Amino acid sequence: MGNTSTTYKGPNGGSQKLSIAARKKKQALDKKNAMLRTSQKATAQVFRRNIKNVDMLAGKDVHHSKDGSMSLQSIKNNRGHHVT
């Protein structure tokens, strides 16, 4: 099976072939980012539910700004890497 102390290919072979230390660091970062995404999704749902005019929501996504505020933006401008 080779030298498993230097790299870990994962149960499916793994395409990144990270060292064990790098893999643990990546797992911690991925978990942190997943928790942030979950939190943002929850706050976006609350924001959308609190908008009384349902017609405003058609074709819109909730945008999280760097300052923590939220606003409605078109789906086209909110997804991907559009700079606001």
Protein backbone atom coordinates (compact mmCIF):
# COMPACT_ATOMS: atom_id res chain seq x y z
CA MET A 1 0.00 0.00 0.00
CA GLY A 2 2.96 2.32 0.20
CA ASN A 3 4.08 4.89 2.68
CA THR A 4 0.86 5.95 4.44
CA SER A 5 2.67 8.10 7.00
CA THR A 6 3.42 10.86 4.48
CA THR A 7 0.26 11.05 2.37
CA TYR A 8 -3.34 10.06 2.73
CA LYS A 9 -5.31 9.35 -0.42
CA GLY A 10 -8.66 8.87 1.29
CA PRO A 11 -11.08 5.98 0.96
CA ASN A 12 -11.61 6.63 -2.77
CA GLY A 13 -7.99 7.24 -3.69
CA GLY A 14 -8.18 11.02 -3.29
CA SER A 15 -7.07 13.34 -6.04
CA GLN A 16 -5.23 15.82 -3.82
CA LYS A 17 -2.86 13.36 -2.12
CA LEU A 18 -2.36 15.65 0.87
CA SER A 19 0.02 15.02 3.71
CA ILE A 20 -1.64 13.99 6.94
CA ALA A 21 -1.00 17.40 8.52
CA ALA A 22 -2.38 19.22 5.48
CA ARG A 23 -5.41 16.92 5.41
CA LYS A 24 -6.22 17.66 9.07
CA LYS A 25 -5.82 21.40 8.43
CA LYS A 26 -8.09 21.18 5.38
CA GLN A 27 -10.72 19.22 7.31
CA ALA A 28 -10.77 21.89 10.06
CA LEU A 29 -11.08 24.70 7.50
CA ASP A 30 -13.80 22.88 5.55
CA LYS A 31 -15.80 22.32 8.76
CA LYS A 32 -15.46 26.01 9.71
CA ASN A 33 -16.61 27.12 6.26
CA ALA A 34 -19.52 24.67 6.27
CA MET A 35 -20.72 26.05 9.61
CA LEU A 36 -20.48 29.61 8.24
CA ARG A 37 -22.50 28.66 5.13
CA THR A 38 -25.14 26.98 7.31
CA SER A 39 -25.39 30.10 9.46
CA GLN A 40 -25.69 32.38 6.42
CA LYS A 41 -28.41 30.19 4.91
CA ALA A 42 -30.39 30.34 8.17
CA THR A 43 -30.14 34.13 8.43
CA ALA A 44 -31.10 34.50 4.76
CA GLN A 45 -34.22 32.39 5.35
CA VAL A 46 -35.25 34.57 8.30
CA PHE A 47 -34.60 37.72 6.25
CA ARG A 48 -36.77 36.45 3.40
CA ARG A 49 -39.59 35.36 5.73
CA ASN A 50 -39.73 38.84 7.28
CA ILE A 51 -40.39 40.56 3.92
CA LYS A 52 -44.12 41.17 3.70
CA ASN A 53 -44.31 42.05 -0.01
CA VAL A 54 -43.88 38.61 -1.62
CA ASP A 55 -43.73 40.15 -5.11
CA MET A 56 -40.34 41.68 -4.18
CA LEU A 57 -38.84 38.21 -3.73
CA ALA A 58 -39.40 36.95 -7.28
CA GLY A 59 -36.02 36.29 -8.92
CA LYS A 60 -34.07 37.62 -5.92
CA ASP A 61 -31.46 36.20 -3.57
CA VAL A 62 -30.32 37.52 -0.21
CA HIS A 63 -26.85 39.07 -0.44
CA HIS A 64 -24.59 39.08 2.65
CA SER A 65 -22.33 42.15 2.65
CA LYS A 66 -18.94 42.27 4.34
CA ASP A 67 -20.31 44.72 6.94
CA GLY A 68 -22.92 42.13 7.98
CA SER A 69 -25.93 43.75 6.35
CA MET A 70 -28.22 41.88 3.98
CA SER A 71 -30.07 43.01 0.88
CA LEU A 72 -32.03 41.53 -1.99
CA GLN A 73 -30.18 41.23 -5.29
CA SER A 74 -30.98 39.57 -8.57
CA ILE A 75 -29.96 35.93 -8.74
CA LYS A 76 -27.62 36.72 -11.65
CA ASN A 77 -25.64 39.30 -9.65
CA ASN A 78 -25.61 37.40 -6.38
CA ARG A 79 -24.24 34.06 -7.59
CA GLY A 80 -20.75 33.59 -8.90
CA HIS A 81 -17.95 36.07 -8.33
CA HIS A 82 -19.60 39.39 -9.02
CA VAL A 83 -17.98 42.29 -7.17
CA THR A 84 -20.46 44.58 -5.42
